[in-house]
């Protein structure tokens, strides 16, 4: 269905290594993600982009590359300390602000 393991694990509060059994039920979000997701980020603080996570990416690396903080990325994407990112996850970023 075009959903990566990371997203599926988060939506269902599962460990990505958990084996599924016949009859297990999973929540799957299959809507496409528009250029802007949900509520707009802070006004006047640059442009909102969707960043697609690549193999080997870390929050620290993404933050450094886009001149934002890890806490900002977590806030904009409703991530908490235990959330991990996976290739093909989509993150909202506010870039190019002054």
PDB file of N, CA and C in Angstrom:
ATOM      1  N   UNK A   1       0.814  -1.198   0.000  1.00  0.00           N
ATOM      2  CA  UNK A   1       0.000   0.000   0.000  1.00  0.00           C
ATOM      3  C   UNK A   1       0.855   1.258   0.000  1.00  0.00           C
ATOM      4  N   UNK A   2       2.159   1.132  -0.201  1.00  0.00           N
ATOM      5  CA  UNK A   2       3.024   2.305  -0.265  1.00  0.00           C
ATOM      6  C   UNK A   2       3.313   2.924   1.086  1.00  0.00           C
ATOM      7  N   UNK A   3       3.191   2.172   2.156  1.00  0.00           N
ATOM      8  CA  UNK A   3       3.433   2.683   3.506  1.00  0.00           C
ATOM      9  C   UNK A   3       4.719   2.054   4.030  1.00  0.00           C
ATOM     10  N   UNK A   4       5.613   2.882   4.597  1.00  0.00           N
ATOM     11  CA  UNK A   4       6.849   2.300   5.116  1.00  0.00           C
ATOM     12  C   UNK A   4       6.661   1.751   6.529  1.00  0.00           C
ATOM     13  N   UNK A   5       7.576   0.934   6.947  1.00  0.00           N
ATOM     14  CA  UNK A   5       7.487   0.259   8.241  1.00  0.00           C
ATOM     15  C   UNK A   5       7.465   1.250   9.394  1.00  0.00           C
ATOM     16  N   UNK A   6       8.257   2.319   9.282  1.00  0.00           N
ATOM     17  CA  UNK A   6       8.306   3.319  10.349  1.00  0.00           C
ATOM     18  C   UNK A   6       6.958   3.953  10.597  1.00  0.00           C
ATOM     19  N   UNK A   7       6.303   4.375   9.528  1.00  0.00           N
ATOM     20  CA  UNK A   7       4.990   5.005   9.667  1.00  0.00           C
ATOM     21  C   UNK A   7       3.984   3.993  10.207  1.00  0.00           C
ATOM     22  N   UNK A   8       3.988   2.799   9.667  1.00  0.00           N
ATOM     23  CA  UNK A   8       3.057   1.763  10.115  1.00  0.00           C
ATOM     24  C   UNK A   8       3.264   1.461  11.600  1.00  0.00           C
ATOM     25  N   UNK A   9       4.510   1.404  12.026  1.00  0.00           N
ATOM     26  CA  UNK A   9       4.814   1.148  13.437  1.00  0.00           C
ATOM     27  C   UNK A   9       4.298   2.274  14.324  1.00  0.00           C
ATOM     28  N   UNK A  10       4.522   3.531  13.902  1.00  0.00           N
ATOM     29  CA  UNK A  10       4.061   4.675  14.699  1.00  0.00           C
ATOM     30  C   UNK A  10       2.540   4.715  14.784  1.00  0.00           C
ATOM     31  N   UNK A  11       1.868   4.532  13.659  1.00  0.00           N
ATOM     32  CA  UNK A  11       0.406   4.601  13.637  1.00  0.00           C
ATOM     33  C   UNK A  11      -0.225   3.550  14.533  1.00  0.00           C
ATOM     34  N   UNK A  12       0.471   2.428  14.718  1.00  0.00           N
ATOM     35  CA  UNK A  12      -0.084   1.316  15.482  1.00  0.00           C
ATOM     36  C   UNK A  12       0.630   1.080  16.811  1.00  0.00           C
ATOM     37  N   UNK A  13       1.534   1.997  17.166  1.00  0.00           N
ATOM     38  CA  UNK A  13       2.276   1.907  18.420  1.00  0.00           C
ATOM     39  C   UNK A  13       2.941   0.535  18.581  1.00  0.00           C
ATOM     40  N   UNK A  14       3.641   0.102  17.510  1.00  0.00           N
ATOM     41  CA  UNK A  14       4.300  -1.203  17.491  1.00  0.00           C
ATOM     42  C   UNK A  14       5.806  -1.050  17.336  1.00  0.00           C
ATOM     43  N   UNK A  15       6.532  -2.028  17.833  1.00  0.00           N
ATOM     44  CA  UNK A  15       7.961  -2.113  17.560  1.00  0.00           C
ATOM     45  C   UNK A  15       8.099  -2.551  16.098  1.00  0.00           C
ATOM     46  N   UNK A  16       8.991  -1.885  15.310  1.00  0.00           N
ATOM     47  CA  UNK A  16       9.124  -2.250  13.894  1.00  0.00           C
ATOM     48  C   UNK A  16       9.557  -3.708  13.671  1.00  0.00           C
ATOM     49  N   UNK A  17      10.119  -4.334  14.695  1.00  0.00           N
ATOM     50  CA  UNK A  17      10.572  -5.726  14.570  1.00  0.00           C
ATOM     51  C   UNK A  17       9.475  -6.731  14.934  1.00  0.00           C
ATOM     52  N   UNK A  18       8.325  -6.248  15.429  1.00  0.00           N
ATOM     53  CA  UNK A  18       7.237  -7.149  15.840  1.00  0.00           C
ATOM     54  C   UNK A  18       6.715  -7.940  14.647  1.00  0.00           C
ATOM     55  N   UNK A  19       6.584  -9.215  14.842  1.00  0.00           N
ATOM     56  CA  UNK A  19       6.013 -10.058  13.790  1.00  0.00           C
ATOM     57  C   UNK A  19       4.501  -9.986  13.870  1.00  0.00           C
ATOM     58  N   UNK A  20       3.888  -9.832  12.720  1.00  0.00           N
ATOM     59  CA  UNK A  20       2.433  -9.794  12.655  1.00  0.00           C
ATOM     60  C   UNK A  20       1.895 -11.201  12.478  1.00  0.00           C
ATOM     61  N   UNK A  21       0.707 -11.400  13.022  1.00  0.00           N
ATOM     62  CA  UNK A  21       0.063 -12.702  12.939  1.00  0.00           C
ATOM     63  C   UNK A  21      -1.225 -12.566  12.142  1.00  0.00           C
ATOM     64  N   UNK A  22      -1.655 -13.632  11.481  1.00  0.00           N
ATOM     65  CA  UNK A  22      -2.934 -13.574  10.769  1.00  0.00           C
ATOM     66  C   UNK A  22      -4.034 -13.111  11.715  1.00  0.00           C
ATOM     67  N   UNK A  23      -4.845 -12.192  11.241  1.00  0.00           N
ATOM     68  CA  UNK A  23      -5.935 -11.654  12.045  1.00  0.00           C
ATOM     69  C   UNK A  23      -5.588 -10.367  12.769  1.00  0.00           C
ATOM     70  N   UNK A  24      -4.269 -10.016  12.861  1.00  0.00           N
ATOM     71  CA  UNK A  24      -3.896  -8.741  13.470  1.00  0.00           C
ATOM     72  C   UNK A  24      -4.484  -7.615  12.647  1.00  0.00           C
ATOM     73  N   UNK A  25      -4.948  -6.581  13.321  1.00  0.00           N
ATOM     74  CA  UNK A  25      -5.520  -5.426  12.630  1.00  0.00           C
ATOM     75  C   UNK A  25      -4.568  -4.247  12.760  1.00  0.00           C
ATOM     76  N   UNK A  26      -4.387  -3.531  11.649  1.00  0.00           N
ATOM     77  CA  UNK A  26      -3.487  -2.377  11.610  1.00  0.00           C
ATOM     78  C   UNK A  26      -4.217  -1.157  11.089  1.00  0.00           C
ATOM     79  N   UNK A  27      -3.836  -0.003  11.616  1.00  0.00           N
ATOM     80  CA  UNK A  27      -4.318   1.268  11.075  1.00  0.00           C
ATOM     81  C   UNK A  27      -3.379   1.654   9.938  1.00  0.00           C
ATOM     82  N   UNK A  28      -3.932   2.017   8.789  1.00  0.00           N
ATOM     83  CA  UNK A  28      -3.127   2.439   7.645  1.00  0.00           C
ATOM     84  C   UNK A  28      -3.714   3.726   7.099  1.00  0.00           C
ATOM     85  N   UNK A  29      -2.884   4.751   6.996  1.00  0.00           N
ATOM     86  CA  UNK A  29      -3.309   6.019   6.401  1.00  0.00           C
ATOM     87  C   UNK A  29      -2.841   6.008   4.953  1.00  0.00           C
ATOM     88  N   UNK A  30      -3.773   6.109   4.040  1.00  0.00           N
ATOM     89  CA  UNK A  30      -3.389   5.996   2.637  1.00  0.00           C
ATOM     90  C   UNK A  30      -3.586   7.279   1.845  1.00  0.00           C
ATOM     91  N   UNK A  31      -3.945   8.375   2.532  1.00  0.00           N
ATOM     92  CA  UNK A  31      -4.107   9.628   1.810  1.00  0.00           C
ATOM     93  C   UNK A  31      -2.744  10.171   1.403  1.00  0.00           C
ATOM     94  N   UNK A  32      -2.707  10.920   0.326  1.00  0.00           N
ATOM     95  CA  UNK A  32      -1.452  11.525  -0.104  1.00  0.00           C
ATOM     96  C   UNK A  32      -1.192  12.758   0.739  1.00  0.00           C
ATOM     97  N   UNK A  33       0.075  13.101   0.890  1.00  0.00           N
ATOM     98  CA  UNK A  33       0.456  14.244   1.694  1.00  0.00           C
ATOM     99  C   UNK A  33       0.609  15.455   0.792  1.00  0.00           C
ATOM    100  N   UNK A  34      -0.180  16.506   1.022  1.00  0.00           N
ATOM    101  CA  UNK A  34      -0.068  17.699   0.188  1.00  0.00           C
ATOM    102  C   UNK A  34       1.199  18.476   0.515  1.00  0.00           C
ATOM    103  N   UNK A  35       1.459  19.526  -0.238  1.00  0.00           N
ATOM    104  CA  UNK A  35       2.628  20.372   0.001  1.00  0.00           C
ATOM    105  C   UNK A  35       2.671  20.855   1.440  1.00  0.00           C
ATOM    106  N   UNK A  36       1.538  21.181   2.007  1.00  0.00           N
ATOM    107  CA  UNK A  36       1.471  21.624   3.388  1.00  0.00           C
ATOM    108  C   UNK A  36       0.571  20.662   4.144  1.00  0.00           C
ATOM    109  N   UNK A  37       1.039  20.180   5.287  1.00  0.00           N
ATOM    110  CA  UNK A  37       0.285  19.202   6.058  1.00  0.00           C
ATOM    111  C   UNK A  37      -0.362  19.906   7.240  1.00  0.00           C
ATOM    112  N   UNK A  38      -1.642  19.732   7.410  1.00  0.00           N
ATOM    113  CA  UNK A  38      -2.321  20.230   8.599  1.00  0.00           C
ATOM    114  C   UNK A  38      -2.217  21.725   8.758  1.00  0.00           C
ATOM    115  N   UNK A  39      -2.019  22.137   9.990  1.00  0.00           N
ATOM    116  CA  UNK A  39      -1.931  23.558  10.297  1.00  0.00           C
ATOM    117  C   UNK A  39      -0.634  24.134   9.746  1.00  0.00           C
ATOM    118  N   UNK A  40      -0.680  25.369   9.232  1.00  0.00           N
ATOM    119  CA  UNK A  40       0.548  25.985   8.748  1.00  0.00           C
ATOM    120  C   UNK A  40       1.534  26.177   9.898  1.00  0.00           C
ATOM    121  N   UNK A  41       2.806  26.139   9.571  1.00  0.00           N
ATOM    122  CA  UNK A  41       3.821  26.412  10.571  1.00  0.00           C
ATOM    123  C   UNK A  41       3.843  27.908  10.827  1.00  0.00           C
ATOM    124  N   UNK A  42       4.695  28.351  11.757  1.00  0.00           N
ATOM    125  CA  UNK A  42       4.745  29.768  12.120  1.00  0.00           C
ATOM    126  C   UNK A  42       4.843  30.673  10.906  1.00  0.00           C
ATOM    127  N   UNK A  43       4.016  31.701  10.893  1.00  0.00           N
ATOM    128  CA  UNK A  43       4.029  32.665   9.793  1.00  0.00           C
ATOM    129  C   UNK A  43       5.303  33.494   9.840  1.00  0.00           C
ATOM    130  N   UNK A  44       5.790  33.899   8.684  1.00  0.00           N
ATOM    131  CA  UNK A  44       6.929  34.806   8.612  1.00  0.00           C
ATOM    132  C   UNK A  44       8.260  34.204   8.974  1.00  0.00           C
ATOM    133  N   UNK A  45       8.355  32.897   9.034  1.00  0.00           N
ATOM    134  CA  UNK A  45       9.594  32.238   9.441  1.00  0.00           C
ATOM    135  C   UNK A  45      10.159  31.380   8.316  1.00  0.00           C
ATOM    136  N   UNK A  46      10.054  31.811   7.068  1.00  0.00           N
ATOM    137  CA  UNK A  46      10.585  31.054   5.945  1.00  0.00           C
ATOM    138  C   UNK A  46       9.501  30.280   5.221  1.00  0.00           C
ATOM    139  N   UNK A  47       9.928  29.375   4.370  1.00  0.00           N
ATOM    140  CA  UNK A  47       9.000  28.582   3.555  1.00  0.00           C
ATOM    141  C   UNK A  47       8.845  27.186   4.120  1.00  0.00           C
ATOM    142  N   UNK A  48       7.624  26.681   4.078  1.00  0.00           N
ATOM    143  CA  UNK A  48       7.372  25.319   4.522  1.00  0.00           C
ATOM    144  C   UNK A  48       7.650  24.362   3.378  1.00  0.00           C
ATOM    145  N   UNK A  49       8.427  23.313   3.670  1.00  0.00           N
ATOM    146  CA  UNK A  49       8.708  22.283   2.669  1.00  0.00           C
ATOM    147  C   UNK A  49       8.401  20.917   3.275  1.00  0.00           C
ATOM    148  N   UNK A  50       8.264  19.929   2.412  1.00  0.00           N
ATOM    149  CA  UNK A  50       8.165  18.540   2.842  1.00  0.00           C
ATOM    150  C   UNK A  50       9.496  17.884   2.478  1.00  0.00           C
ATOM    151  N   UNK A  51      10.191  17.371   3.486  1.00  0.00           N
ATOM    152  CA  UNK A  51      11.461  16.692   3.268  1.00  0.00           C
ATOM    153  C   UNK A  51      11.220  15.194   3.364  1.00  0.00           C
ATOM    154  N   UNK A  52      11.629  14.456   2.346  1.00  0.00           N
ATOM    155  CA  UNK A  52      11.490  13.000   2.351  1.00  0.00           C
ATOM    156  C   UNK A  52      12.785  12.403   2.901  1.00  0.00           C
ATOM    157  N   UNK A  53      12.663  11.670   3.987  1.00  0.00           N
ATOM    158  CA  UNK A  53      13.817  11.078   4.661  1.00  0.00           C
ATOM    159  C   UNK A  53      14.469  10.039   3.751  1.00  0.00           C
ATOM    160  N   UNK A  54      15.801  10.104   3.694  1.00  0.00           N
ATOM    161  CA  UNK A  54      16.585   9.168   2.884  1.00  0.00           C
ATOM    162  C   UNK A  54      17.329   8.192   3.796  1.00  0.00           C
ATOM    163  N   UNK A  55      17.758   7.076   3.240  1.00  0.00           N
ATOM    164  CA  UNK A  55      18.548   6.091   3.974  1.00  0.00           C
ATOM    165  C   UNK A  55      19.760   6.791   4.598  1.00  0.00           C
ATOM    166  N   UNK A  56      19.978   6.591   5.890  1.00  0.00           N
ATOM    167  CA  UNK A  56      21.117   7.180   6.589  1.00  0.00           C
ATOM    168  C   UNK A  56      20.853   8.549   7.192  1.00  0.00           C
ATOM    169  N   UNK A  57      19.714   9.171   6.898  1.00  0.00           N
ATOM    170  CA  UNK A  57      19.384  10.476   7.476  1.00  0.00           C
ATOM    171  C   UNK A  57      19.172  10.367   8.981  1.00  0.00           C
ATOM    172  N   UNK A  58      19.530  11.423   9.684  1.00  0.00           N
ATOM    173  CA  UNK A  58      19.242  11.567  11.106  1.00  0.00           C
ATOM    174  C   UNK A  58      18.578  12.917  11.306  1.00  0.00           C
ATOM    175  N   UNK A  59      17.881  13.076  12.423  1.00  0.00           N
ATOM    176  CA  UNK A  59      17.296  14.387  12.713  1.00  0.00           C
ATOM    177  C   UNK A  59      18.387  15.443  12.808  1.00  0.00           C
ATOM    178  N   UNK A  60      19.521  15.092  13.413  1.00  0.00           N
ATOM    179  CA  UNK A  60      20.624  16.033  13.539  1.00  0.00           C
ATOM    180  C   UNK A  60      21.117  16.468  12.156  1.00  0.00           C
ATOM    181  N   UNK A  61      21.312  15.521  11.257  1.00  0.00           N
ATOM    182  CA  UNK A  61      21.791  15.837   9.915  1.00  0.00           C
ATOM    183  C   UNK A  61      20.801  16.676   9.125  1.00  0.00           C
ATOM    184  N   UNK A  62      19.521  16.338   9.232  1.00  0.00           N
ATOM    185  CA  UNK A  62      18.487  17.104   8.531  1.00  0.00           C
ATOM    186  C   UNK A  62      18.428  18.522   9.089  1.00  0.00           C
ATOM    187  N   UNK A  63      18.484  18.642  10.423  1.00  0.00           N
ATOM    188  CA  UNK A  63      18.450  19.962  11.066  1.00  0.00           C
ATOM    189  C   UNK A  63      19.633  20.813  10.615  1.00  0.00           C
ATOM    190  N   UNK A  64      20.820  20.224  10.612  1.00  0.00           N
ATOM    191  CA  UNK A  64      22.032  20.962  10.208  1.00  0.00           C
ATOM    192  C   UNK A  64      21.927  21.403   8.749  1.00  0.00           C
ATOM    193  N   UNK A  65      21.486  20.504   7.884  1.00  0.00           N
ATOM    194  CA  UNK A  65      21.383  20.796   6.450  1.00  0.00           C
ATOM    195  C   UNK A  65      20.417  21.945   6.163  1.00  0.00           C
ATOM    196  N   UNK A  66      19.346  22.040   6.957  1.00  0.00           N
ATOM    197  CA  UNK A  66      18.309  23.042   6.699  1.00  0.00           C
ATOM    198  C   UNK A  66      18.337  24.212   7.680  1.00  0.00           C
ATOM    199  N   UNK A  67      19.386  24.258   8.518  1.00  0.00           N
ATOM    200  CA  UNK A  67      19.579  25.359   9.459  1.00  0.00           C
ATOM    201  C   UNK A  67      18.373  25.537  10.401  1.00  0.00           C
ATOM    202  N   UNK A  68      17.916  24.430  10.948  1.00  0.00           N
ATOM    203  CA  UNK A  68      16.843  24.432  11.945  1.00  0.00           C
ATOM    204  C   UNK A  68      17.321  23.580  13.117  1.00  0.00           C
ATOM    205  N   UNK A  69      16.539  23.519  14.178  1.00  0.00           N
ATOM    206  CA  UNK A  69      16.928  22.698  15.323  1.00  0.00           C
ATOM    207  C   UNK A  69      16.157  21.378  15.313  1.00  0.00           C
ATOM    208  N   UNK A  70      16.705  20.406  16.015  1.00  0.00           N
ATOM    209  CA  UNK A  70      16.027  19.119  16.161  1.00  0.00           C
ATOM    210  C   UNK A  70      14.687  19.335  16.868  1.00  0.00           C
ATOM    211  N   UNK A  71      14.674  20.191  17.889  1.00  0.00           N
ATOM    212  CA  UNK A  71      13.422  20.461  18.606  1.00  0.00           C
ATOM    213  C   UNK A  71      12.362  21.056  17.691  1.00  0.00           C
ATOM    214  N   UNK A  72      12.767  21.915  16.754  1.00  0.00           N
ATOM    215  CA  UNK A  72      11.809  22.473  15.803  1.00  0.00           C
ATOM    216  C   UNK A  72      11.223  21.374  14.921  1.00  0.00           C
ATOM    217  N   UNK A  73      12.087  20.502  14.409  1.00  0.00           N
ATOM    218  CA  UNK A  73      11.605  19.396  13.567  1.00  0.00           C
ATOM    219  C   UNK A  73      10.616  18.540  14.350  1.00  0.00           C
ATOM    220  N   UNK A  74      10.968  18.216  15.588  1.00  0.00           N
ATOM    221  CA  UNK A  74      10.077  17.397  16.417  1.00  0.00           C
ATOM    222  C   UNK A  74       8.745  18.102  16.643  1.00  0.00           C
ATOM    223  N   UNK A  75       8.797  19.390  16.925  1.00  0.00           N
ATOM    224  CA  UNK A  75       7.572  20.155  17.170  1.00  0.00           C
ATOM    225  C   UNK A  75       6.699  20.219  15.920  1.00  0.00           C
ATOM    226  N   UNK A  76       7.283  20.537  14.785  1.00  0.00           N
ATOM    227  CA  UNK A  76       6.529  20.670  13.539  1.00  0.00           C
ATOM    228  C   UNK A  76       5.892  19.358  13.102  1.00  0.00           C
ATOM    229  N   UNK A  77       6.478  18.220  13.534  1.00  0.00           N
ATOM    230  CA  UNK A  77       6.011  16.914  13.075  1.00  0.00           C
ATOM    231  C   UNK A  77       5.429  16.050  14.183  1.00  0.00           C
ATOM    232  N   UNK A  78       5.167  16.651  15.337  1.00  0.00           N
ATOM    233  CA  UNK A  78       4.582  15.942  16.484  1.00  0.00           C
ATOM    234  C   UNK A  78       5.362  14.679  16.835  1.00  0.00           C
ATOM    235  N   UNK A  79       6.686  14.794  16.847  1.00  0.00           N
ATOM    236  CA  UNK A  79       7.550  13.676  17.228  1.00  0.00           C
ATOM    237  C   UNK A  79       7.914  13.835  18.699  1.00  0.00           C
ATOM    238  N   UNK A  80       8.023  12.717  19.412  1.00  0.00           N
ATOM    239  CA  UNK A  80       8.509  12.788  20.785  1.00  0.00           C
ATOM    240  C   UNK A  80       9.853  12.098  20.868  1.00  0.00           C
ATOM    241  N   UNK A  81      10.412  12.018  22.054  1.00  0.00           N
ATOM    242  CA  UNK A  81      11.753  11.464  22.226  1.00  0.00           C
ATOM    243  C   UNK A  81      11.931  10.052  21.704  1.00  0.00           C
ATOM    244  N   UNK A  82      10.878   9.241  21.733  1.00  0.00           N
ATOM    245  CA  UNK A  82      10.990   7.849  21.308  1.00  0.00           C
ATOM    246  C   UNK A  82      10.735   7.620  19.831  1.00  0.00           C
ATOM    247  N   UNK A  83      10.250   8.640  19.141  1.00  0.00           N
ATOM    248  CA  UNK A  83       9.947   8.476  17.715  1.00  0.00           C
ATOM    249  C   UNK A  83      11.230   8.404  16.897  1.00  0.00           C
ATOM    250  N   UNK A  84      11.247   7.497  15.944  1.00  0.00           N
ATOM    251  CA  UNK A  84      12.379   7.379  15.026  1.00  0.00           C
ATOM    252  C   UNK A  84      11.891   7.749  13.645  1.00  0.00           C
ATOM    253  N   UNK A  85      12.837   8.136  12.791  1.00  0.00           N
ATOM    254  CA  UNK A  85      12.493   8.418  11.406  1.00  0.00           C
ATOM    255  C   UNK A  85      13.022   7.290  10.537  1.00  0.00           C
ATOM    256  N   UNK A  86      12.344   7.073   9.428  1.00  0.00           N
ATOM    257  CA  UNK A  86      12.689   5.994   8.513  1.00  0.00           C
ATOM    258  C   UNK A  86      12.700   6.521   7.092  1.00  0.00           C
ATOM    259  N   UNK A  87      13.473   5.868   6.204  1.00  0.00           N
ATOM    260  CA  UNK A  87      13.464   6.279   4.804  1.00  0.00           C
ATOM    261  C   UNK A  87      12.036   6.335   4.262  1.00  0.00           C
ATOM    262  N   UNK A  88      11.761   7.350   3.521  1.00  0.00           N
ATOM    263  CA  UNK A  88      10.484   7.682   2.884  1.00  0.00           C
ATOM    264  C   UNK A  88       9.486   8.353   3.823  1.00  0.00           C
ATOM    265  N   UNK A  89       9.825   8.515   5.134  1.00  0.00           N
ATOM    266  CA  UNK A  89       8.992   9.356   5.995  1.00  0.00           C
ATOM    267  C   UNK A  89       9.031  10.769   5.425  1.00  0.00           C
ATOM    268  N   UNK A  90       7.977  11.513   5.655  1.00  0.00           N
ATOM    269  CA  UNK A  90       7.905  12.898   5.174  1.00  0.00           C
ATOM    270  C   UNK A  90       7.851  13.821   6.375  1.00  0.00           C
ATOM    271  N   UNK A  91       8.783  14.786   6.399  1.00  0.00           N
ATOM    272  CA  UNK A  91       8.869  15.732   7.497  1.00  0.00           C
ATOM    273  C   UNK A  91       8.559  17.140   7.009  1.00  0.00           C
ATOM    274  N   UNK A  92       7.785  17.856   7.793  1.00  0.00           N
ATOM    275  CA  UNK A  92       7.527  19.267   7.504  1.00  0.00           C
ATOM    276  C   UNK A  92       8.694  20.073   8.063  1.00  0.00           C
ATOM    277  N   UNK A  93       9.224  20.978   7.272  1.00  0.00           N
ATOM    278  CA  UNK A  93      10.305  21.851   7.714  1.00  0.00           C
ATOM    279  C   UNK A  93       9.978  23.290   7.328  1.00  0.00           C
ATOM    280  N   UNK A  94      10.426  24.214   8.143  1.00  0.00           N
ATOM    281  CA  UNK A  94      10.307  25.643   7.835  1.00  0.00           C
ATOM    282  C   UNK A  94      11.731  26.108   7.548  1.00  0.00           C
ATOM    283  N   UNK A  95      12.008  26.431   6.294  1.00  0.00           N
ATOM    284  CA  UNK A  95      13.369  26.786   5.881  1.00  0.00           C
ATOM    285  C   UNK A  95      13.425  28.189   5.297  1.00  0.00           C
ATOM    286  N   UNK A  96      14.642  28.754   5.299  1.00  0.00           N
ATOM    287  CA  UNK A  96      14.867  30.042   4.660  1.00  0.00           C
ATOM    288  C   UNK A  96      14.396  31.231   5.456  1.00  0.00           C
ATOM    289  N   UNK A  97      14.115  31.047   6.749  1.00  0.00           N
ATOM    290  CA  UNK A  97      13.675  32.166   7.576  1.00  0.00           C
ATOM    291  C   UNK A  97      14.840  33.053   7.930  1.00  0.00           C
ATOM    292  N   UNK A  98      14.510  34.253   8.396  1.00  0.00           N
ATOM    293  CA  UNK A  98      15.588  35.179   8.785  1.00  0.00           C
ATOM    294  C   UNK A  98      15.799  35.195  10.269  1.00  0.00           C
TER     295      UNK A  98
END
